[in-house]
Every structure is written in structure tokens, then in C-alpha cells.
Amino acid sequence: MKILVVCGAGASSTFVAQRVRAAAQRQARTVVVAAGTPGMIAAEVDAGDVVLIGPHLRSALPGLRADAAGRGAHAVLLPADIFDDRDGSRTLALADECVAPAAPTERTPR
């Protein structure tokens, strides 16, 4: 699974992305997580499977969802308390919920 986490300037999304990466590693999963800004959604040729949108971007959500859909990605607005998810597991679960009906979870061999 490929996840793009976006926020206004790319700073808070970097922290969220790092936590999601760590959660995926603890679960022995192959997950590519990148952090960026909203403009990256439309500019990226491959936005990934899921775009996680910072809660402070709620007003831009319709346009960001359209951009993500145009790239074949699911977009979800993160809850306001997402920064309390210190280990990234809750955020990773939100991404999983977006793609669960479409594809099985990938795992790395042990």
C-alpha cells in the first residue's frame, strides 16, 4: 500500500508519516508512506492508494478528494485528534479501511 499524508506546509504530515511507517514496520508490512502538501496530490503521477488529509484542510476537502480520485487514490480527512496517535497504529488502520474492500493487506515475509 502507498500512502500520501498531506498538510498545509508538510511539517505535521512528516510526523504523521513517520509514525505510520513505524506502525507498519511493527506489523511487518510493506507500506510506502510519503509526506507532502496538498498541491502534490494533483502533481503526483502516482498519488498512491490513500491520501490522508490533515484535519485543518477540511475546507479544501472536496477539491482534494477530486484530485485524489483523478489519480486513482482514496482520500480521507484525518480526525482532529490524529496527532495524539503517537504510535501511528490508528492512522494506519484508517488507511486500511479505505482500501480494505479493494485489495488485501500486503505483508512482508518473516
N, C-alpha and C. Protein backbone atom coordinates (compact mmCIF):
# COMPACT_ATOMS: atom_id res chain seq x y z
N MET A 1 0.85 -1.17 0.00
CA MET A 1 0.00 0.00 0.00
C MET A 1 0.90 1.23 0.00
N LYS A 2 0.48 2.25 -0.73
CA LYS A 2 1.19 3.53 -0.75
C LYS A 2 0.26 4.60 -0.18
N ILE A 3 0.80 5.37 0.78
CA ILE A 3 0.03 6.39 1.48
C ILE A 3 0.73 7.73 1.32
N LEU A 4 -0.04 8.76 0.99
CA LEU A 4 0.46 10.13 0.97
C LEU A 4 -0.27 10.89 2.07
N VAL A 5 0.48 11.48 2.99
CA VAL A 5 -0.09 12.27 4.08
C VAL A 5 0.15 13.73 3.74
N VAL A 6 -0.91 14.54 3.71
CA VAL A 6 -0.74 15.95 3.36
C VAL A 6 -1.25 16.87 4.46
N CYS A 7 -0.55 17.99 4.59
CA CYS A 7 -0.96 19.06 5.49
C CYS A 7 -0.65 20.37 4.78
N GLY A 8 -0.82 21.46 5.44
CA GLY A 8 -0.62 22.76 4.80
C GLY A 8 0.79 23.01 4.29
N ALA A 9 1.79 22.75 5.12
CA ALA A 9 3.16 23.05 4.74
C ALA A 9 4.06 21.82 4.67
N GLY A 10 3.56 20.67 5.07
CA GLY A 10 4.35 19.45 5.02
C GLY A 10 5.05 19.09 6.32
N ALA A 11 4.93 19.93 7.33
CA ALA A 11 5.63 19.66 8.59
C ALA A 11 4.89 18.63 9.44
N SER A 12 3.63 18.89 9.75
CA SER A 12 2.90 17.92 10.60
C SER A 12 2.68 16.61 9.86
N SER A 13 2.56 16.66 8.54
CA SER A 13 2.39 15.42 7.79
C SER A 13 3.64 14.55 7.88
N THR A 14 4.79 15.16 8.04
CA THR A 14 6.03 14.40 8.18
C THR A 14 5.99 13.57 9.47
N PHE A 15 5.52 14.17 10.56
CA PHE A 15 5.42 13.44 11.82
C PHE A 15 4.43 12.30 11.71
N VAL A 16 3.27 12.55 11.10
CA VAL A 16 2.27 11.50 10.93
C VAL A 16 2.82 10.38 10.05
N ALA A 17 3.48 10.74 8.96
CA ALA A 17 4.04 9.73 8.05
C ALA A 17 5.08 8.87 8.77
N GLN A 18 5.93 9.47 9.58
CA GLN A 18 6.94 8.70 10.32
C GLN A 18 6.28 7.70 11.26
N ARG A 19 5.22 8.12 11.92
CA ARG A 19 4.52 7.25 12.86
C ARG A 19 3.83 6.10 12.13
N VAL A 20 3.24 6.39 10.97
CA VAL A 20 2.58 5.34 10.19
C VAL A 20 3.62 4.33 9.69
N ARG A 21 4.76 4.82 9.23
CA ARG A 21 5.85 3.92 8.81
C ARG A 21 6.27 2.99 9.95
N ALA A 22 6.41 3.55 11.13
CA ALA A 22 6.81 2.75 12.30
C ALA A 22 5.75 1.71 12.64
N ALA A 23 4.48 2.09 12.55
CA ALA A 23 3.39 1.14 12.83
C ALA A 23 3.41 0.00 11.82
N ALA A 24 3.64 0.32 10.55
CA ALA A 24 3.70 -0.71 9.51
C ALA A 24 4.88 -1.65 9.75
N GLN A 25 6.02 -1.11 10.15
CA GLN A 25 7.19 -1.94 10.44
C GLN A 25 6.92 -2.89 11.60
N ARG A 26 6.26 -2.39 12.64
CA ARG A 26 5.94 -3.24 13.78
C ARG A 26 5.02 -4.39 13.37
N GLN A 27 4.19 -4.15 12.35
CA GLN A 27 3.27 -5.19 11.86
C GLN A 27 3.89 -6.00 10.71
N ALA A 28 5.16 -5.75 10.43
CA ALA A 28 5.88 -6.45 9.35
C ALA A 28 5.17 -6.30 8.01
N ARG A 29 4.75 -5.07 7.72
CA ARG A 29 4.02 -4.79 6.49
C ARG A 29 4.85 -3.95 5.54
N THR A 30 4.59 -4.14 4.26
CA THR A 30 5.22 -3.33 3.23
C THR A 30 4.29 -2.17 2.93
N VAL A 31 4.63 -1.01 3.43
CA VAL A 31 3.83 0.19 3.23
C VAL A 31 4.79 1.34 2.90
N VAL A 32 4.51 2.04 1.82
CA VAL A 32 5.30 3.21 1.45
C VAL A 32 4.50 4.43 1.90
N VAL A 33 5.12 5.27 2.72
CA VAL A 33 4.43 6.45 3.26
C VAL A 33 5.25 7.69 2.93
N ALA A 34 4.60 8.66 2.32
CA ALA A 34 5.25 9.93 1.99
C ALA A 34 4.46 11.06 2.62
N ALA A 35 5.14 12.15 2.89
CA ALA A 35 4.51 13.35 3.44
C ALA A 35 4.62 14.47 2.42
N GLY A 36 3.63 15.35 2.43
CA GLY A 36 3.70 16.46 1.49
C GLY A 36 2.62 17.49 1.71
N THR A 37 2.40 18.26 0.67
CA THR A 37 1.44 19.35 0.69
C THR A 37 0.28 19.03 -0.25
N PRO A 38 -0.83 19.74 -0.13
CA PRO A 38 -1.99 19.46 -0.98
C PRO A 38 -1.70 19.53 -2.48
N GLY A 39 -0.83 20.42 -2.90
CA GLY A 39 -0.50 20.53 -4.32
C GLY A 39 0.13 19.28 -4.90
N MET A 40 0.70 18.46 -4.04
CA MET A 40 1.33 17.22 -4.51
C MET A 40 0.30 16.21 -5.01
N ILE A 41 -0.91 16.28 -4.53
CA ILE A 41 -1.92 15.30 -4.93
C ILE A 41 -2.16 15.38 -6.43
N ALA A 42 -2.39 16.58 -6.92
CA ALA A 42 -2.66 16.76 -8.35
C ALA A 42 -1.40 16.60 -9.18
N ALA A 43 -0.24 16.91 -8.61
CA ALA A 43 1.01 16.88 -9.37
C ALA A 43 1.63 15.49 -9.45
N GLU A 44 1.37 14.64 -8.49
CA GLU A 44 1.97 13.31 -8.46
C GLU A 44 1.32 12.42 -9.52
N VAL A 45 2.13 11.76 -10.31
CA VAL A 45 1.61 10.81 -11.30
C VAL A 45 0.96 9.65 -10.57
N ASP A 46 1.58 9.20 -9.48
CA ASP A 46 1.05 8.10 -8.68
C ASP A 46 0.88 8.59 -7.25
N ALA A 47 -0.31 9.06 -6.93
CA ALA A 47 -0.56 9.57 -5.58
C ALA A 47 -0.62 8.45 -4.57
N GLY A 48 -0.72 7.23 -5.04
CA GLY A 48 -0.77 6.09 -4.14
C GLY A 48 -2.17 5.55 -4.01
N ASP A 49 -2.36 4.75 -2.99
CA ASP A 49 -3.66 4.14 -2.74
C ASP A 49 -4.54 5.02 -1.87
N VAL A 50 -3.91 5.71 -0.92
CA VAL A 50 -4.65 6.50 0.06
C VAL A 50 -3.96 7.84 0.25
N VAL A 51 -4.76 8.90 0.31
CA VAL A 51 -4.27 10.22 0.67
C VAL A 51 -4.92 10.58 2.00
N LEU A 52 -4.10 10.76 3.03
CA LEU A 52 -4.58 11.16 4.35
C LEU A 52 -4.43 12.66 4.45
N ILE A 53 -5.54 13.35 4.69
CA ILE A 53 -5.57 14.81 4.65
C ILE A 53 -5.68 15.36 6.06
N GLY A 54 -4.77 16.27 6.39
CA GLY A 54 -4.76 16.88 7.71
C GLY A 54 -6.09 17.54 8.04
N PRO A 55 -6.52 17.46 9.31
CA PRO A 55 -7.83 17.98 9.71
C PRO A 55 -8.01 19.47 9.47
N HIS A 56 -6.93 20.21 9.45
CA HIS A 56 -7.02 21.66 9.24
C HIS A 56 -7.31 22.01 7.77
N LEU A 57 -7.35 21.01 6.89
CA LEU A 57 -7.63 21.24 5.48
C LEU A 57 -9.08 20.88 5.12
N ARG A 58 -9.94 20.80 6.12
CA ARG A 58 -11.34 20.43 5.91
C ARG A 58 -12.01 21.27 4.82
N SER A 59 -11.77 22.55 4.79
CA SER A 59 -12.45 23.41 3.81
C SER A 59 -12.01 23.11 2.37
N ALA A 60 -10.85 22.53 2.21
CA ALA A 60 -10.34 22.19 0.87
C ALA A 60 -10.66 20.75 0.48
N LEU A 61 -11.36 20.03 1.36
CA LEU A 61 -11.58 18.60 1.16
C LEU A 61 -12.23 18.23 -0.18
N PRO A 62 -13.28 18.90 -0.63
CA PRO A 62 -13.88 18.49 -1.91
C PRO A 62 -12.89 18.51 -3.08
N GLY A 63 -12.10 19.54 -3.17
CA GLY A 63 -11.10 19.63 -4.24
C GLY A 63 -10.00 18.60 -4.10
N LEU A 64 -9.56 18.37 -2.87
CA LEU A 64 -8.51 17.39 -2.63
C LEU A 64 -9.00 15.97 -2.93
N ARG A 65 -10.25 15.70 -2.59
CA ARG A 65 -10.83 14.38 -2.92
C ARG A 65 -10.91 14.20 -4.43
N ALA A 66 -11.30 15.26 -5.13
CA ALA A 66 -11.37 15.18 -6.60
C ALA A 66 -9.98 14.94 -7.19
N ASP A 67 -8.99 15.64 -6.67
CA ASP A 67 -7.61 15.44 -7.15
C ASP A 67 -7.15 14.01 -6.90
N ALA A 68 -7.44 13.49 -5.71
CA ALA A 68 -7.04 12.13 -5.37
C ALA A 68 -7.75 11.12 -6.27
N ALA A 69 -9.04 11.30 -6.46
CA ALA A 69 -9.80 10.38 -7.30
C ALA A 69 -9.27 10.38 -8.73
N GLY A 70 -8.84 11.55 -9.20
CA GLY A 70 -8.25 11.65 -10.53
C GLY A 70 -6.96 10.88 -10.67
N ARG A 71 -6.33 10.58 -9.56
CA ARG A 71 -5.09 9.80 -9.54
C ARG A 71 -5.32 8.37 -9.09
N GLY A 72 -6.59 8.01 -8.91
CA GLY A 72 -6.92 6.64 -8.50
C GLY A 72 -6.71 6.35 -7.04
N ALA A 73 -6.70 7.39 -6.21
CA ALA A 73 -6.46 7.23 -4.77
C ALA A 73 -7.73 7.53 -3.98
N HIS A 74 -7.83 6.91 -2.82
CA HIS A 74 -8.89 7.22 -1.87
C HIS A 74 -8.38 8.37 -1.00
N ALA A 75 -9.25 9.31 -0.66
CA ALA A 75 -8.85 10.41 0.22
C ALA A 75 -9.71 10.40 1.47
N VAL A 76 -9.07 10.61 2.60
CA VAL A 76 -9.81 10.64 3.86
C VAL A 76 -9.30 11.80 4.71
N LEU A 77 -10.24 12.52 5.31
CA LEU A 77 -9.89 13.59 6.24
C LEU A 77 -9.55 12.97 7.58
N LEU A 78 -8.38 13.27 8.09
CA LEU A 78 -7.98 12.75 9.39
C LEU A 78 -8.75 13.46 10.50
N PRO A 79 -9.07 12.75 11.57
CA PRO A 79 -9.78 13.39 12.69
C PRO A 79 -8.89 14.41 13.39
N ALA A 80 -9.53 15.34 14.05
CA ALA A 80 -8.81 16.44 14.71
C ALA A 80 -7.81 15.95 15.75
N ASP A 81 -8.06 14.81 16.36
CA ASP A 81 -7.16 14.32 17.41
C ASP A 81 -6.10 13.34 16.88
N ILE A 82 -5.88 13.32 15.58
CA ILE A 82 -4.96 12.35 14.99
C ILE A 82 -3.52 12.52 15.50
N PHE A 83 -3.16 13.71 15.89
CA PHE A 83 -1.79 13.94 16.35
C PHE A 83 -1.54 13.31 17.73
N ASP A 84 -2.61 12.84 18.37
CA ASP A 84 -2.47 12.10 19.62
C ASP A 84 -2.12 10.63 19.38
N ASP A 85 -2.19 10.18 18.12
CA ASP A 85 -1.86 8.80 17.76
C ASP A 85 -0.34 8.68 17.70
N ARG A 86 0.28 8.55 18.85
CA ARG A 86 1.74 8.59 18.95
C ARG A 86 2.46 7.42 18.29
N ASP A 87 1.78 6.26 18.17
CA ASP A 87 2.47 5.11 17.58
C ASP A 87 2.05 4.86 16.12
N GLY A 88 1.12 5.64 15.60
CA GLY A 88 0.72 5.54 14.20
C GLY A 88 -0.24 4.42 13.86
N SER A 89 -0.57 3.57 14.82
CA SER A 89 -1.42 2.41 14.52
C SER A 89 -2.85 2.81 14.16
N ARG A 90 -3.38 3.80 14.81
CA ARG A 90 -4.75 4.26 14.50
C ARG A 90 -4.80 4.88 13.10
N THR A 91 -3.78 5.64 12.76
CA THR A 91 -3.73 6.27 11.44
C THR A 91 -3.58 5.22 10.35
N LEU A 92 -2.75 4.22 10.58
CA LEU A 92 -2.60 3.14 9.62
C LEU A 92 -3.92 2.38 9.45
N ALA A 93 -4.63 2.17 10.53
CA ALA A 93 -5.93 1.50 10.45
C ALA A 93 -6.93 2.30 9.61
N LEU A 94 -6.89 3.63 9.72
CA LEU A 94 -7.76 4.47 8.89
C LEU A 94 -7.44 4.29 7.41
N ALA A 95 -6.17 4.22 7.09
CA ALA A 95 -5.77 3.99 5.69
C ALA A 95 -6.23 2.62 5.23
N ASP A 96 -6.09 1.62 6.08
CA ASP A 96 -6.54 0.27 5.74
C ASP A 96 -8.02 0.23 5.43
N GLU A 97 -8.81 0.97 6.21
CA GLU A 97 -10.26 0.99 5.99
C GLU A 97 -10.62 1.53 4.61
N CYS A 98 -9.81 2.41 4.09
CA CYS A 98 -10.07 3.00 2.77
C CYS A 98 -9.91 2.00 1.64
N VAL A 99 -8.97 1.10 1.79
CA VAL A 99 -8.66 0.18 0.70
C VAL A 99 -9.09 -1.25 0.98
N ALA A 100 -9.61 -1.52 2.16
CA ALA A 100 -9.96 -2.89 2.54
C ALA A 100 -10.85 -3.60 1.51
N PRO A 101 -11.91 -2.99 1.01
CA PRO A 101 -12.74 -3.69 0.04
C PRO A 101 -12.03 -3.90 -1.31
N ALA A 102 -11.06 -3.07 -1.60
CA ALA A 102 -10.42 -3.11 -2.92
C ALA A 102 -9.26 -4.07 -3.01
N ALA A 103 -8.50 -4.23 -1.94
CA ALA A 103 -7.29 -5.05 -2.06
C ALA A 103 -6.93 -5.65 -0.70
N PRO A 104 -6.33 -6.83 -0.69
CA PRO A 104 -5.88 -7.42 0.57
C PRO A 104 -4.66 -6.69 1.10
N THR A 105 -4.42 -6.80 2.38
CA THR A 105 -3.28 -6.18 3.01
C THR A 105 -2.01 -6.92 2.60
N GLU A 106 -0.97 -6.16 2.26
CA GLU A 106 0.31 -6.76 1.89
C GLU A 106 1.14 -6.95 3.15
N ARG A 107 1.80 -8.05 3.21
CA ARG A 107 2.69 -8.33 4.34
C ARG A 107 4.04 -8.79 3.79
N THR A 108 5.10 -8.45 4.49
CA THR A 108 6.42 -8.92 4.08
C THR A 108 6.66 -10.29 4.69
N PRO A 109 7.42 -11.15 4.02
CA PRO A 109 7.72 -12.47 4.57
C PRO A 109 8.51 -12.35 5.88
N ARG A 110 8.28 -13.27 6.75
CA ARG A 110 9.02 -13.27 8.03
C ARG A 110 10.20 -14.16 7.96
